[in-house]
Amino acid sequence: MRAATPSPPEPTPSHAQTMTAARVHRFGPPDVITLEQIDVPEPREEEVLVRVHAPGGRTLGRPG
């Protein structure tokens, strides 16, 4: 008897409506960075939109 083949994962939409953005609205320590849901920007002519899977972040000017 053959083992059941797992079904493929559901496809994700190629163009999501919103995205999570790390935003800074004022100068200050790293805790001024907030995660917000924003509309996905539409690229203009001769621009591209890049999907980032695993971003990294480091505050400049601070050790570590």
PDB file of N, CA and C in Angstrom:
ATOM      1  N   MET A   1       0.841  -1.180   0.000  1.00  0.00           N
ATOM      2  CA  MET A   1       0.000   0.000   0.000  1.00  0.00           C
ATOM      3  C   MET A   1       0.887   1.246   0.000  1.00  0.00           C
ATOM      4  N   ARG A   2       0.539   2.210  -0.815  1.00  0.00           N
ATOM      5  CA  ARG A   2       1.304   3.456  -0.921  1.00  0.00           C
ATOM      6  C   ARG A   2       0.891   4.454   0.150  1.00  0.00           C
ATOM      7  N   ALA A   3       1.880   5.214   0.622  1.00  0.00           N
ATOM      8  CA  ALA A   3       1.576   6.286   1.580  1.00  0.00           C
ATOM      9  C   ALA A   3       0.919   7.437   0.833  1.00  0.00           C
ATOM     10  N   ALA A   4       0.032   8.095   1.494  1.00  0.00           N
ATOM     11  CA  ALA A   4      -0.662   9.233   0.869  1.00  0.00           C
ATOM     12  C   ALA A   4       0.334  10.360   0.626  1.00  0.00           C
ATOM     13  N   THR A   5       0.257  10.947  -0.541  1.00  0.00           N
ATOM     14  CA  THR A   5       1.113  12.086  -0.871  1.00  0.00           C
ATOM     15  C   THR A   5       0.511  13.337  -0.254  1.00  0.00           C
ATOM     16  N   PRO A   6       1.338  14.090   0.508  1.00  0.00           N
ATOM     17  CA  PRO A   6       0.775  15.306   1.099  1.00  0.00           C
ATOM     18  C   PRO A   6       0.389  16.304   0.019  1.00  0.00           C
ATOM     19  N   SER A   7      -0.684  16.997   0.263  1.00  0.00           N
ATOM     20  CA  SER A   7      -1.113  17.986  -0.723  1.00  0.00           C
ATOM     21  C   SER A   7      -0.196  19.198  -0.652  1.00  0.00           C
ATOM     22  N   PRO A   8       0.029  19.860  -1.786  1.00  0.00           N
ATOM     23  CA  PRO A   8       0.917  21.030  -1.787  1.00  0.00           C
ATOM     24  C   PRO A   8       0.295  22.161  -0.982  1.00  0.00           C
ATOM     25  N   PRO A   9       1.161  23.030  -0.432  1.00  0.00           N
ATOM     26  CA  PRO A   9       0.624  24.150   0.341  1.00  0.00           C
ATOM     27  C   PRO A   9      -0.200  25.076  -0.537  1.00  0.00           C
ATOM     28  N   GLU A  10      -1.130  25.758   0.091  1.00  0.00           N
ATOM     29  CA  GLU A  10      -1.964  26.728  -0.630  1.00  0.00           C
ATOM     30  C   GLU A  10      -1.061  27.838  -1.169  1.00  0.00           C
ATOM     31  N   PRO A  11      -1.263  28.255  -2.400  1.00  0.00           N
ATOM     32  CA  PRO A  11      -0.441  29.344  -2.925  1.00  0.00           C
ATOM     33  C   PRO A  11      -0.744  30.647  -2.195  1.00  0.00           C
ATOM     34  N   THR A  12       0.306  31.418  -1.998  1.00  0.00           N
ATOM     35  CA  THR A  12       0.111  32.717  -1.376  1.00  0.00           C
ATOM     36  C   THR A  12      -0.162  33.742  -2.462  1.00  0.00           C
ATOM     37  N   PRO A  13      -0.912  34.770  -2.167  1.00  0.00           N
ATOM     38  CA  PRO A  13      -1.179  35.774  -3.197  1.00  0.00           C
ATOM     39  C   PRO A  13       0.127  36.420  -3.646  1.00  0.00           C
ATOM     40  N   SER A  14       0.254  36.635  -4.928  1.00  0.00           N
ATOM     41  CA  SER A  14       1.493  37.210  -5.443  1.00  0.00           C
ATOM     42  C   SER A  14       1.600  38.692  -5.098  1.00  0.00           C
ATOM     43  N   HIS A  15       0.493  39.300  -4.764  1.00  0.00           N
ATOM     44  CA  HIS A  15       0.530  40.713  -4.434  1.00  0.00           C
ATOM     45  C   HIS A  15      -0.407  40.964  -3.252  1.00  0.00           C
ATOM     46  N   ALA A  16       0.168  41.052  -2.077  1.00  0.00           N
ATOM     47  CA  ALA A  16      -0.623  41.264  -0.872  1.00  0.00           C
ATOM     48  C   ALA A  16      -1.152  42.700  -0.834  1.00  0.00           C
ATOM     49  N   GLN A  17      -2.192  42.923  -0.062  1.00  0.00           N
ATOM     50  CA  GLN A  17      -2.796  44.243   0.072  1.00  0.00           C
ATOM     51  C   GLN A  17      -2.040  45.116   1.075  1.00  0.00           C
ATOM     52  N   THR A  18      -1.537  44.490   2.162  1.00  0.00           N
ATOM     53  CA  THR A  18      -0.812  45.237   3.186  1.00  0.00           C
ATOM     54  C   THR A  18       0.511  44.553   3.487  1.00  0.00           C
ATOM     55  N   MET A  19       1.370  45.272   4.178  1.00  0.00           N
ATOM     56  CA  MET A  19       2.668  44.738   4.587  1.00  0.00           C
ATOM     57  C   MET A  19       3.009  45.296   5.963  1.00  0.00           C
ATOM     58  N   THR A  20       3.923  44.627   6.645  1.00  0.00           N
ATOM     59  CA  THR A  20       4.405  45.116   7.931  1.00  0.00           C
ATOM     60  C   THR A  20       5.651  45.943   7.664  1.00  0.00           C
ATOM     61  N   ALA A  21       5.672  47.165   8.179  1.00  0.00           N
ATOM     62  CA  ALA A  21       6.808  48.066   7.978  1.00  0.00           C
ATOM     63  C   ALA A  21       7.373  48.484   9.324  1.00  0.00           C
ATOM     64  N   ALA A  22       8.695  48.507   9.439  1.00  0.00           N
ATOM     65  CA  ALA A  22       9.364  49.056  10.619  1.00  0.00           C
ATOM     66  C   ALA A  22       9.524  50.548  10.341  1.00  0.00           C
ATOM     67  N   ARG A  23       8.871  51.373  11.138  1.00  0.00           N
ATOM     68  CA  ARG A  23       8.861  52.815  10.871  1.00  0.00           C
ATOM     69  C   ARG A  23       9.394  53.600  12.059  1.00  0.00           C
ATOM     70  N   VAL A  24      10.059  54.710  11.745  1.00  0.00           N
ATOM     71  CA  VAL A  24      10.588  55.622  12.755  1.00  0.00           C
ATOM     72  C   VAL A  24       9.975  56.983  12.488  1.00  0.00           C
ATOM     73  N   HIS A  25       9.213  57.508  13.451  1.00  0.00           N
ATOM     74  CA  HIS A  25       8.539  58.793  13.282  1.00  0.00           C
ATOM     75  C   HIS A  25       9.236  59.925  14.017  1.00  0.00           C
ATOM     76  N   ARG A  26      10.203  59.583  14.869  1.00  0.00           N
ATOM     77  CA  ARG A  26      10.949  60.621  15.587  1.00  0.00           C
ATOM     78  C   ARG A  26      12.316  60.077  15.947  1.00  0.00           C
ATOM     79  N   PHE A  27      13.242  60.976  16.192  1.00  0.00           N
ATOM     80  CA  PHE A  27      14.600  60.602  16.578  1.00  0.00           C
ATOM     81  C   PHE A  27      14.572  60.029  17.987  1.00  0.00           C
ATOM     82  N   GLY A  28      15.402  59.030  18.254  1.00  0.00           N
ATOM     83  CA  GLY A  28      15.478  58.488  19.594  1.00  0.00           C
ATOM     84  C   GLY A  28      16.144  57.130  19.625  1.00  0.00           C
ATOM     85  N   PRO A  29      16.044  56.459  20.761  1.00  0.00           N
ATOM     86  CA  PRO A  29      16.653  55.134  20.913  1.00  0.00           C
ATOM     87  C   PRO A  29      15.900  54.091  20.076  1.00  0.00           C
ATOM     88  N   PRO A  30      16.423  52.868  20.033  1.00  0.00           N
ATOM     89  CA  PRO A  30      15.794  51.833  19.197  1.00  0.00           C
ATOM     90  C   PRO A  30      14.316  51.598  19.487  1.00  0.00           C
ATOM     91  N   ASP A  31      13.841  51.908  20.692  1.00  0.00           N
ATOM     92  CA  ASP A  31      12.435  51.635  20.976  1.00  0.00           C
ATOM     93  C   ASP A  31      11.473  52.610  20.302  1.00  0.00           C
ATOM     94  N   VAL A  32      11.978  53.606  19.546  1.00  0.00           N
ATOM     95  CA  VAL A  32      11.078  54.467  18.766  1.00  0.00           C
ATOM     96  C   VAL A  32      10.670  53.795  17.454  1.00  0.00           C
ATOM     97  N   ILE A  33      11.311  52.677  17.126  1.00  0.00           N
ATOM     98  CA  ILE A  33      10.954  51.924  15.923  1.00  0.00           C
ATOM     99  C   ILE A  33       9.661  51.161  16.215  1.00  0.00           C
ATOM    100  N   THR A  34       8.659  51.350  15.363  1.00  0.00           N
ATOM    101  CA  THR A  34       7.390  50.658  15.550  1.00  0.00           C
ATOM    102  C   THR A  34       7.083  49.808  14.323  1.00  0.00           C
ATOM    103  N   LEU A  35       6.390  48.700  14.533  1.00  0.00           N
ATOM    104  CA  LEU A  35       5.929  47.864  13.430  1.00  0.00           C
ATOM    105  C   LEU A  35       4.495  48.247  13.133  1.00  0.00           C
ATOM    106  N   GLU A  36       4.231  48.581  11.867  1.00  0.00           N
ATOM    107  CA  GLU A  36       2.899  49.036  11.461  1.00  0.00           C
ATOM    108  C   GLU A  36       2.463  48.305  10.203  1.00  0.00           C
ATOM    109  N   GLN A  37       1.161  48.097  10.070  1.00  0.00           N
ATOM    110  CA  GLN A  37       0.586  47.551   8.845  1.00  0.00           C
ATOM    111  C   GLN A  37       0.290  48.724   7.917  1.00  0.00           C
ATOM    112  N   ILE A  38       0.871  48.700   6.723  1.00  0.00           N
ATOM    113  CA  ILE A  38       0.655  49.766   5.748  1.00  0.00           C
ATOM    114  C   ILE A  38       0.258  49.147   4.412  1.00  0.00           C
ATOM    115  N   ASP A  39      -0.307  49.946   3.539  1.00  0.00           N
ATOM    116  CA  ASP A  39      -0.622  49.480   2.186  1.00  0.00           C
ATOM    117  C   ASP A  39       0.674  49.219   1.434  1.00  0.00           C
ATOM    118  N   VAL A  40       0.678  48.172   0.622  1.00  0.00           N
ATOM    119  CA  VAL A  40       1.852  47.868  -0.197  1.00  0.00           C
ATOM    120  C   VAL A  40       1.987  48.963  -1.247  1.00  0.00           C
ATOM    121  N   PRO A  41       3.175  49.573  -1.360  1.00  0.00           N
ATOM    122  CA  PRO A  41       3.327  50.623  -2.360  1.00  0.00           C
ATOM    123  C   PRO A  41       3.287  50.064  -3.776  1.00  0.00           C
ATOM    124  N   GLU A  42       2.810  50.864  -4.700  1.00  0.00           N
ATOM    125  CA  GLU A  42       2.796  50.490  -6.112  1.00  0.00           C
ATOM    126  C   GLU A  42       4.036  51.078  -6.770  1.00  0.00           C
ATOM    127  N   PRO A  43       4.891  50.242  -7.369  1.00  0.00           N
ATOM    128  CA  PRO A  43       6.071  50.791  -8.032  1.00  0.00           C
ATOM    129  C   PRO A  43       5.685  51.619  -9.252  1.00  0.00           C
ATOM    130  N   ARG A  44       6.407  52.703  -9.446  1.00  0.00           N
ATOM    131  CA  ARG A  44       6.188  53.543 -10.621  1.00  0.00           C
ATOM    132  C   ARG A  44       7.000  53.000 -11.794  1.00  0.00           C
ATOM    133  N   GLU A  45       6.896  53.655 -12.921  1.00  0.00           N
ATOM    134  CA  GLU A  45       7.638  53.236 -14.106  1.00  0.00           C
ATOM    135  C   GLU A  45       9.133  53.212 -13.785  1.00  0.00           C
ATOM    136  N   GLU A  46       9.798  52.151 -14.217  1.00  0.00           N
ATOM    137  CA  GLU A  46      11.226  51.925 -14.013  1.00  0.00           C
ATOM    138  C   GLU A  46      11.592  51.710 -12.556  1.00  0.00           C
ATOM    139  N   GLU A  47      10.637  51.312 -11.713  1.00  0.00           N
ATOM    140  CA  GLU A  47      10.891  50.941 -10.322  1.00  0.00           C
ATOM    141  C   GLU A  47      10.491  49.479 -10.145  1.00  0.00           C
ATOM    142  N   VAL A  48      10.999  48.863  -9.093  1.00  0.00           N
ATOM    143  CA  VAL A  48      10.629  47.493  -8.766  1.00  0.00           C
ATOM    144  C   VAL A  48      10.198  47.434  -7.305  1.00  0.00           C
ATOM    145  N   LEU A  49       9.418  46.439  -6.977  1.00  0.00           N
ATOM    146  CA  LEU A  49       8.999  46.184  -5.605  1.00  0.00           C
ATOM    147  C   LEU A  49       9.654  44.879  -5.188  1.00  0.00           C
ATOM    148  N   VAL A  50      10.429  44.900  -4.102  1.00  0.00           N
ATOM    149  CA  VAL A  50      11.185  43.736  -3.656  1.00  0.00           C
ATOM    150  C   VAL A  50      10.528  43.160  -2.411  1.00  0.00           C
ATOM    151  N   ARG A  51      10.259  41.868  -2.415  1.00  0.00           N
ATOM    152  CA  ARG A  51       9.715  41.195  -1.235  1.00  0.00           C
ATOM    153  C   ARG A  51      10.883  40.759  -0.362  1.00  0.00           C
ATOM    154  N   VAL A  52      10.870  41.153   0.905  1.00  0.00           N
ATOM    155  CA  VAL A  52      11.928  40.794   1.848  1.00  0.00           C
ATOM    156  C   VAL A  52      11.383  39.696   2.752  1.00  0.00           C
ATOM    157  N   HIS A  53      12.083  38.575   2.794  1.00  0.00           N
ATOM    158  CA  HIS A  53      11.620  37.437   3.581  1.00  0.00           C
ATOM    159  C   HIS A  53      12.141  37.486   5.020  1.00  0.00           C
ATOM    160  N   ALA A  54      13.407  37.850   5.219  1.00  0.00           N
ATOM    161  CA  ALA A  54      13.998  37.829   6.557  1.00  0.00           C
ATOM    162  C   ALA A  54      14.900  39.053   6.743  1.00  0.00           C
ATOM    163  N   PRO A  55      14.326  40.183   7.120  1.00  0.00           N
ATOM    164  CA  PRO A  55      15.142  41.380   7.289  1.00  0.00           C
ATOM    165  C   PRO A  55      15.986  41.313   8.558  1.00  0.00           C
ATOM    166  N   GLY A  56      17.062  42.056   8.552  1.00  0.00           N
ATOM    167  CA  GLY A  56      17.904  42.199   9.741  1.00  0.00           C
ATOM    168  C   GLY A  56      17.988  43.677  10.069  1.00  0.00           C
ATOM    169  N   GLY A  57      18.231  43.985  11.288  1.00  0.00           N
ATOM    170  CA  GLY A  57      18.316  45.391  11.652  1.00  0.00           C
ATOM    171  C   GLY A  57      19.361  45.617  12.717  1.00  0.00           C
ATOM    172  N   ARG A  58      20.004  46.759  12.640  1.00  0.00           N
ATOM    173  CA  ARG A  58      20.992  47.138  13.638  1.00  0.00           C
ATOM    174  C   ARG A  58      20.964  48.649  13.744  1.00  0.00           C
ATOM    175  N   THR A  59      20.940  49.159  14.947  1.00  0.00           N
ATOM    176  CA  THR A  59      20.948  50.602  15.107  1.00  0.00           C
ATOM    177  C   THR A  59      22.360  51.114  14.891  1.00  0.00           C
ATOM    178  N   LEU A  60      22.489  52.165  14.135  1.00  0.00           N
ATOM    179  CA  LEU A  60      23.806  52.745  13.845  1.00  0.00           C
ATOM    180  C   LEU A  60      24.285  53.564  15.015  1.00  0.00           C
ATOM    181  N   GLY A  61      25.594  53.535  15.235  1.00  0.00           N
ATOM    182  CA  GLY A  61      26.172  54.351  16.281  1.00  0.00           C
ATOM    183  C   GLY A  61      26.047  53.751  17.670  1.00  0.00           C
ATOM    184  N   ARG A  62      25.549  52.538  17.758  1.00  0.00           N
ATOM    185  CA  ARG A  62      25.414  51.905  19.071  1.00  0.00           C
ATOM    186  C   ARG A  62      26.204  50.598  19.062  1.00  0.00           C
ATOM    187  N   PRO A  63      26.947  50.345  20.118  1.00  0.00           N
ATOM    188  CA  PRO A  63      27.735  49.101  20.139  1.00  0.00           C
ATOM    189  C   PRO A  63      26.827  47.873  20.172  1.00  0.00           C
ATOM    190  N   GLY A  64      27.343  46.783  19.627  1.00  0.00           N
ATOM    191  CA  GLY A  64      26.601  45.534  19.706  1.00  0.00           C
ATOM    192  C   GLY A  64      26.064  45.113  18.471  1.00  0.00           C
TER     193      GLY A  64
END
